């Protein structure tokens, strides 16, 4: 793992400057990334490369700052391309955007590696030389071993030359400017989805097709939840229904005790679709919140049910979700209390 300016100084004095290699990949392709790493092991052992991927982030470290630092200091960025990679908003959005920006400044080599068949030709990096060179995805080879050797050989050729220079030292982990820049990219993407939701809701008549399209937008918002979590308060307090929906999507992935009142207000006051997803976030909180927050969660669910019953919504899907959430929470509370009673 790259450790900063001191490491660069030692490498210059010793005459050894390994290529810092950054893997940009979907976690769905973690097995393929690890397998490629085994084929590149001889290059690492010869100190021709130093590999980095996000599983090397230490517990407690700011994961986004770590990724940004490594992206900025890498000499070679491998884009492990698959349908999951193209679907990932963080890989295909943030990481690819940063990689191509550095490539334009001739600071880095960027090489797409085609893992699986997909529409990579429609991507922003389609003009780059992809490997394997015949554009036959690794998964389509009769011998995957030969495919990985083919890719490793191409990478060996790249790192046989000196890395792009002068090497860029990674920013300090607390570099607020770079953090804000990355967050701006995420904010822009979230707002794009929020506007798409609002256009879909306003321009299409109520129908299964409209609901299906809005569900697709929520799924994309959820895929960005990890990257957009720092924006939670901003989105929750936004006057835009689409941005409030993005906040709800985050809370369907990361439960928050502090956000329970926000979700409760949405259920009874917002349009049915947004209110329904707020109910889903409360339901998710049942299994995700710390047990010490269960009394507050139960109160929030009950208050939300009472508010919903007082409206014209009646016994809607939202009320059904809330009843299920209340029942599940009571079952959980009782199961946690059972061992204590057993040893009284």
Protein backbone atom coordinates (compact mmCIF):
# COMPACT_ATOMS: atom_id res chain seq x y z
CA UNK A 1 0.00 0.00 0.00
CA UNK A 2 1.34 3.43 -0.98
CA UNK A 3 2.38 5.50 2.01
CA UNK A 4 3.12 8.94 0.62
CA UNK A 5 6.07 11.18 -0.20
CA UNK A 6 8.62 9.35 1.96
CA UNK A 7 8.01 6.16 -0.01
CA UNK A 8 8.63 8.04 -3.26
CA UNK A 9 11.92 9.40 -1.92
CA UNK A 10 13.17 5.95 -0.93
CA UNK A 11 12.17 4.54 -4.29
CA UNK A 12 14.04 7.26 -6.17
CA UNK A 13 17.18 6.73 -4.12
CA UNK A 14 17.06 2.98 -4.69
CA UNK A 15 16.37 3.43 -8.40
CA UNK A 16 13.15 1.41 -8.05
CA UNK A 17 9.85 3.04 -8.89
CA UNK A 18 7.06 0.47 -9.05
CA UNK A 19 3.85 1.27 -10.84
CA UNK A 20 1.02 1.99 -8.41
CA UNK A 21 -1.91 -0.03 -9.72
CA UNK A 22 -5.52 0.84 -8.81
CA UNK A 23 -8.35 -1.66 -9.40
CA UNK A 24 -11.71 -0.06 -10.24
CA UNK A 25 -14.26 -2.88 -10.05
CA UNK A 26 -17.71 -3.91 -8.88
CA UNK A 27 -17.76 -6.02 -5.73
CA UNK A 28 -19.83 -8.51 -7.74
CA UNK A 29 -16.59 -9.15 -9.65
CA UNK A 30 -14.39 -9.49 -6.57
CA UNK A 31 -13.51 -13.09 -7.43
CA UNK A 32 -12.30 -12.10 -10.92
CA UNK A 33 -10.28 -9.21 -9.46
CA UNK A 34 -8.60 -11.55 -6.99
CA UNK A 35 -7.85 -14.05 -9.74
CA UNK A 36 -6.25 -11.39 -11.92
CA UNK A 37 -4.17 -10.42 -8.90
CA UNK A 38 -2.75 -13.94 -8.71
CA UNK A 39 -1.63 -13.72 -12.35
CA UNK A 40 0.02 -10.37 -11.63
CA UNK A 41 1.72 -11.71 -8.49
CA UNK A 42 5.14 -12.16 -10.22
CA UNK A 43 5.13 -8.46 -11.11
CA UNK A 44 4.34 -7.55 -7.49
CA UNK A 45 7.05 -9.90 -6.20
CA UNK A 46 9.57 -8.25 -8.54
CA UNK A 47 8.42 -4.87 -7.20
CA UNK A 48 7.30 -3.76 -10.64
CA UNK A 49 3.81 -2.99 -9.32
CA UNK A 50 2.14 -2.12 -6.03
CA UNK A 51 -1.53 -3.08 -6.12
CA UNK A 52 -4.38 -1.31 -4.35
CA UNK A 53 -8.10 -2.03 -4.12
CA UNK A 54 -10.76 -0.95 -1.66
CA UNK A 55 -10.56 -4.06 0.54
CA UNK A 56 -7.22 -2.68 1.76
CA UNK A 57 -8.92 0.20 3.55
CA UNK A 58 -8.24 -0.18 7.26
CA UNK A 59 -11.11 -0.31 9.77
CA UNK A 60 -12.06 3.14 10.94
CA UNK A 61 -10.50 4.93 7.96
CA UNK A 62 -12.54 7.32 5.83
CA UNK A 63 -13.15 5.07 2.83
CA UNK A 64 -13.90 7.88 0.38
CA UNK A 65 -10.75 9.83 1.27
CA UNK A 66 -8.72 6.62 0.92
CA UNK A 67 -10.13 5.87 -2.52
CA UNK A 68 -9.61 9.45 -3.67
CA UNK A 69 -6.02 9.40 -2.46
CA UNK A 70 -5.23 6.19 -4.28
CA UNK A 71 -6.99 7.31 -7.46
CA UNK A 72 -4.92 10.50 -7.47
CA UNK A 73 -1.60 8.73 -6.90
CA UNK A 74 -2.04 5.69 -9.17
CA UNK A 75 0.12 5.25 -12.26
CA UNK A 76 -2.13 2.58 -13.78
CA UNK A 77 -5.89 2.30 -13.31
CA UNK A 78 -7.50 -0.98 -14.39
CA UNK A 79 -11.21 -0.76 -15.15
CA UNK A 80 -12.59 -4.28 -14.67
CA UNK A 81 -15.51 -4.03 -17.05
CA UNK A 82 -18.70 -6.08 -16.73
CA UNK A 83 -22.42 -5.41 -16.68
CA UNK A 84 -22.14 -4.91 -12.90
CA UNK A 85 -19.32 -2.37 -13.37
CA UNK A 86 -21.38 -0.38 -15.88
CA UNK A 87 -24.35 -0.46 -13.50
CA UNK A 88 -22.33 0.76 -10.51
CA UNK A 89 -22.82 4.50 -10.12
CA UNK A 90 -19.64 4.83 -8.06
CA UNK A 91 -17.40 2.82 -10.39
CA UNK A 92 -18.88 4.02 -13.67
CA UNK A 93 -19.46 7.53 -12.36
CA UNK A 94 -17.00 8.75 -9.75
CA UNK A 95 -14.00 6.47 -10.36
CA UNK A 96 -14.15 6.48 -14.16
CA UNK A 97 -14.67 10.26 -14.16
CA UNK A 98 -11.58 10.80 -12.01
CA UNK A 99 -9.53 8.32 -14.04
CA UNK A 100 -10.38 9.94 -17.37
CA UNK A 101 -9.69 13.38 -15.95
CA UNK A 102 -6.16 12.35 -14.97
CA UNK A 103 -5.71 10.56 -18.29
CA UNK A 104 -6.41 13.81 -20.17
CA UNK A 105 -3.61 15.43 -18.16
CA UNK A 106 -1.25 12.54 -19.08
CA UNK A 107 -0.85 11.68 -15.42
CA UNK A 108 -1.94 8.04 -15.57
CA UNK A 109 -2.51 5.02 -17.81
CA UNK A 110 -6.11 3.77 -17.90
CA UNK A 111 -6.75 0.27 -19.23
CA UNK A 112 -10.20 -1.36 -19.46
CA UNK A 113 -10.16 -5.15 -18.88
CA UNK A 114 -13.24 -6.87 -20.33
CA UNK A 115 -14.38 -9.45 -17.77
CA UNK A 116 -17.85 -10.23 -19.16
CA UNK A 117 -19.89 -9.37 -22.26
CA UNK A 118 -21.64 -6.01 -21.85
CA UNK A 119 -22.34 -2.77 -23.72
CA UNK A 120 -18.92 -1.30 -23.00
CA UNK A 121 -18.99 0.30 -26.46
CA UNK A 122 -21.55 2.79 -25.07
CA UNK A 123 -19.25 3.85 -22.23
CA UNK A 124 -17.14 6.98 -21.87
CA UNK A 125 -13.98 4.89 -22.11
CA UNK A 126 -14.95 3.09 -25.32
CA UNK A 127 -12.16 4.85 -27.26
CA UNK A 128 -9.49 3.32 -25.03
CA UNK A 129 -7.77 0.09 -26.08
CA UNK A 130 -9.51 -2.68 -24.19
CA UNK A 131 -7.89 -5.99 -23.28
CA UNK A 132 -8.03 -8.79 -24.27
CA UNK A 133 -7.39 -7.06 -27.59
CA UNK A 134 -9.86 -9.11 -29.61
CA UNK A 135 -12.61 -7.73 -27.31
CA UNK A 136 -13.54 -11.26 -26.34
CA UNK A 137 -14.53 -11.13 -22.68
CA UNK A 138 -12.49 -13.28 -20.30
CA UNK A 139 -15.61 -15.24 -19.34
CA UNK A 140 -16.08 -16.27 -23.00
CA UNK A 141 -12.67 -17.89 -23.43
CA UNK A 142 -12.52 -21.69 -23.61
CA UNK A 143 -9.57 -21.44 -21.23
CA UNK A 144 -9.93 -18.70 -18.60
CA UNK A 145 -6.30 -19.34 -17.66
CA UNK A 146 -5.19 -18.32 -21.14
CA UNK A 147 -7.36 -15.22 -20.95
CA UNK A 148 -5.83 -14.09 -17.66
CA UNK A 149 -2.32 -14.79 -18.98
CA UNK A 150 -3.16 -12.68 -22.02
CA UNK A 151 -4.22 -9.77 -19.82
CA UNK A 152 -1.28 -10.16 -17.44
CA UNK A 153 1.13 -10.15 -20.40
CA UNK A 154 -0.33 -6.87 -21.64
CA UNK A 155 0.07 -5.33 -18.19
CA UNK A 156 3.62 -6.65 -17.93
CA UNK A 157 4.43 -4.83 -21.18
CA UNK A 158 2.97 -1.58 -19.81
CA UNK A 159 4.93 -1.67 -16.55
CA UNK A 160 8.20 -2.54 -18.32
CA UNK A 161 8.49 1.20 -19.02
CA UNK A 162 8.96 3.90 -16.35
CA UNK A 163 5.65 5.01 -14.82
CA UNK A 164 4.09 8.35 -15.80
CA UNK A 165 5.92 11.17 -14.11
CA UNK A 166 6.49 13.06 -12.15
CA UNK A 167 4.55 10.82 -9.77
CA UNK A 168 1.71 12.46 -7.97
CA UNK A 169 1.76 12.16 -4.19
CA UNK A 170 -1.64 11.35 -2.78
CA UNK A 171 -3.43 14.12 -0.92
CA UNK A 172 -3.60 14.08 2.83
CA UNK A 173 -6.49 12.02 4.13
CA UNK A 174 -8.06 15.14 5.61
CA UNK A 175 -7.89 17.10 2.34
CA UNK A 176 -11.31 18.78 2.41
CA UNK A 177 -10.97 20.20 -1.08
CA UNK A 178 -10.63 16.81 -2.78
CA UNK A 179 -13.38 15.34 -0.61
CA UNK A 180 -15.72 18.16 -1.61
CA UNK A 181 -14.85 17.71 -5.27
CA UNK A 182 -15.77 14.02 -5.15
CA UNK A 183 -18.93 14.77 -3.20
CA UNK A 184 -19.95 17.32 -5.82
CA UNK A 185 -19.90 14.57 -8.44
CA UNK A 186 -22.18 12.44 -6.29
CA UNK A 187 -24.45 15.40 -5.55
CA UNK A 188 -24.79 16.10 -9.27
CA UNK A 189 -25.75 12.48 -9.99
CA UNK A 190 -28.29 12.35 -7.15
CA UNK A 191 -29.92 15.56 -8.33
CA UNK A 192 -30.12 14.17 -11.86
CA UNK A 193 -32.05 11.17 -10.56
CA UNK A 194 -34.23 13.46 -8.43
CA UNK A 195 -35.17 15.55 -11.47
CA UNK A 196 -35.83 12.40 -13.49
CA UNK A 197 -38.20 11.17 -10.77
CA UNK A 198 -40.08 14.46 -10.73
CA UNK A 199 -40.41 14.56 -14.54
CA UNK A 200 -41.63 10.96 -14.58
CA UNK A 201 -44.19 11.59 -11.86
CA UNK A 202 -45.49 14.79 -13.45
CA UNK A 203 -45.52 13.84 -17.13
CA UNK A 204 -46.77 10.26 -17.02
CA UNK A 205 -50.26 9.23 -16.05
CA UNK A 206 -50.61 7.03 -13.00
CA UNK A 207 -50.01 3.50 -14.23
CA UNK A 208 -47.97 0.39 -13.62
CA UNK A 209 -45.46 1.62 -16.18
CA UNK A 210 -44.97 4.90 -14.33
CA UNK A 211 -44.56 3.08 -11.02
CA UNK A 212 -42.05 0.69 -12.58
CA UNK A 213 -40.00 3.57 -13.95
CA UNK A 214 -40.00 5.35 -10.61
CA UNK A 215 -38.91 2.13 -8.89
CA UNK A 216 -35.96 1.94 -11.27
CA UNK A 217 -34.96 5.47 -10.26
CA UNK A 218 -35.15 4.58 -6.56
CA UNK A 219 -32.96 1.54 -7.19
CA UNK A 220 -30.33 3.78 -8.78
CA UNK A 221 -30.56 6.12 -5.79
CA UNK A 222 -30.04 3.17 -3.44
CA UNK A 223 -26.98 2.11 -5.44
CA UNK A 224 -25.50 5.53 -4.63
CA UNK A 225 -26.38 5.36 -0.92
CA UNK A 226 -22.84 4.73 0.32
CA UNK A 227 -21.39 7.63 -1.67
CA UNK A 228 -24.32 9.99 -1.00
CA UNK A 229 -24.69 9.31 2.76
CA UNK A 230 -22.81 12.55 3.67
CA UNK A 231 -25.60 14.41 1.83
CA UNK A 232 -28.41 12.87 3.92
CA UNK A 233 -29.33 15.98 5.93
CA UNK A 234 -29.11 18.20 2.85
CA UNK A 235 -31.41 15.92 0.87
CA UNK A 236 -33.88 15.40 3.72
CA UNK A 237 -34.32 19.16 4.18
CA UNK A 238 -34.60 19.88 0.45
CA UNK A 239 -37.81 21.40 -0.96
CA UNK A 240 -37.48 18.99 -3.90
CA UNK A 241 -39.60 15.80 -3.58
CA UNK A 242 -37.04 13.97 -5.70
CA UNK A 243 -34.20 14.86 -3.35
CA UNK A 244 -36.29 13.85 -0.34
CA UNK A 245 -36.85 10.53 -2.11
CA UNK A 246 -33.05 10.23 -2.45
CA UNK A 247 -32.77 10.72 1.32
CA UNK A 248 -35.33 7.95 1.83
CA UNK A 249 -33.34 5.68 -0.49
CA UNK A 250 -30.25 6.25 1.68
CA UNK A 251 -32.29 5.37 4.78
CA UNK A 252 -33.35 2.11 3.12
CA UNK A 253 -29.65 1.17 3.23
CA UNK A 254 -28.43 2.96 6.37
CA UNK A 255 -30.96 3.17 9.21
CA UNK A 256 -30.78 6.29 11.37
CA UNK A 257 -32.53 6.86 14.67
CA UNK A 258 -32.29 10.61 14.15
CA UNK A 259 -34.22 10.33 10.87
CA UNK A 260 -37.28 8.53 12.29
CA UNK A 261 -39.35 11.75 12.65
CA UNK A 262 -38.48 12.70 9.05
CA UNK A 263 -39.72 9.35 7.76
CA UNK A 264 -42.87 9.55 9.83
CA UNK A 265 -43.75 12.97 8.41
CA UNK A 266 -43.26 11.75 4.85
CA UNK A 267 -45.57 8.75 5.19
CA UNK A 268 -48.69 10.83 5.85
CA UNK A 269 -47.83 14.07 4.05
CA UNK A 270 -46.16 13.07 0.78
CA UNK A 271 -47.50 11.53 -2.41
CA UNK A 272 -48.24 7.78 -2.12
CA UNK A 273 -45.04 6.64 -3.87
CA UNK A 274 -42.69 8.65 -1.66
CA UNK A 275 -44.71 7.81 1.44
CA UNK A 276 -44.63 4.11 0.56
CA UNK A 277 -40.83 4.17 0.35
CA UNK A 278 -40.66 6.02 3.66
CA UNK A 279 -42.62 3.08 5.12
CA UNK A 280 -40.09 0.71 3.59
CA UNK A 281 -37.29 2.66 5.28
CA UNK A 282 -39.07 2.31 8.64
CA UNK A 283 -39.49 -1.40 7.97
CA UNK A 284 -35.78 -1.69 7.16
CA UNK A 285 -34.93 0.07 10.44
CA UNK A 286 -36.60 -2.75 12.39
CA UNK A 287 -33.76 -5.12 11.59
CA UNK A 288 -30.99 -2.54 11.29
CA UNK A 289 -31.19 -0.20 14.28
CA UNK A 290 -29.44 -0.83 17.57
CA UNK A 291 -31.87 -2.55 20.00
CA UNK A 292 -31.52 0.44 22.32
CA UNK A 293 -33.42 2.46 19.71
CA UNK A 294 -36.32 0.01 19.49
CA UNK A 295 -38.63 1.98 21.85
CA UNK A 296 -38.18 5.14 19.75
CA UNK A 297 -38.74 3.15 16.56
CA UNK A 298 -41.92 1.53 17.92
CA UNK A 299 -43.24 4.95 18.95
CA UNK A 300 -42.42 6.36 15.51
CA UNK A 301 -44.22 3.52 13.73
CA UNK A 302 -47.30 3.83 15.96
CA UNK A 303 -47.45 7.62 15.59
CA UNK A 304 -47.08 7.27 11.83
CA UNK A 305 -49.90 4.71 11.67
CA UNK A 306 -52.15 7.03 13.65
CA UNK A 307 -51.36 9.97 11.37
CA UNK A 308 -51.95 7.85 8.28
CA UNK A 309 -55.31 6.60 9.55
CA UNK A 310 -56.42 10.19 10.08
CA UNK A 311 -55.91 10.97 6.41
CA UNK A 312 -58.03 9.88 3.45
CA UNK A 313 -55.50 7.17 2.58
CA UNK A 314 -57.30 4.54 4.62
CA UNK A 315 -55.94 1.01 4.72
CA UNK A 316 -53.34 1.52 1.98
CA UNK A 317 -50.16 -0.32 1.13
CA UNK A 318 -48.40 2.06 3.48
CA UNK A 319 -50.56 1.06 6.41
CA UNK A 320 -50.03 -2.61 5.63
CA UNK A 321 -46.25 -2.10 5.60
CA UNK A 322 -46.37 -0.27 8.90
CA UNK A 323 -48.47 -3.00 10.53
CA UNK A 324 -45.96 -5.60 9.37
CA UNK A 325 -43.09 -3.47 10.67
CA UNK A 326 -44.79 -3.07 14.06
CA UNK A 327 -45.40 -6.81 14.33
CA UNK A 328 -41.81 -7.65 13.34
CA UNK A 329 -40.45 -5.12 15.82
CA UNK A 330 -42.56 -6.48 18.69
CA UNK A 331 -41.38 -10.00 17.83
CA UNK A 332 -37.77 -8.82 17.83
CA UNK A 333 -38.18 -7.02 21.16
CA UNK A 334 -39.73 -10.11 22.74
CA UNK A 335 -37.02 -12.41 21.39
CA UNK A 336 -34.29 -10.16 22.79
CA UNK A 337 -36.03 -10.02 26.16
CA UNK A 338 -36.53 -13.79 26.38
CA UNK A 339 -32.94 -14.71 27.41
CA UNK A 340 -33.03 -12.12 30.18
CA UNK A 341 -36.24 -13.62 31.59
CA UNK A 342 -34.79 -17.12 31.30
CA UNK A 343 -31.96 -16.27 33.68
CA UNK A 344 -34.02 -14.23 36.17
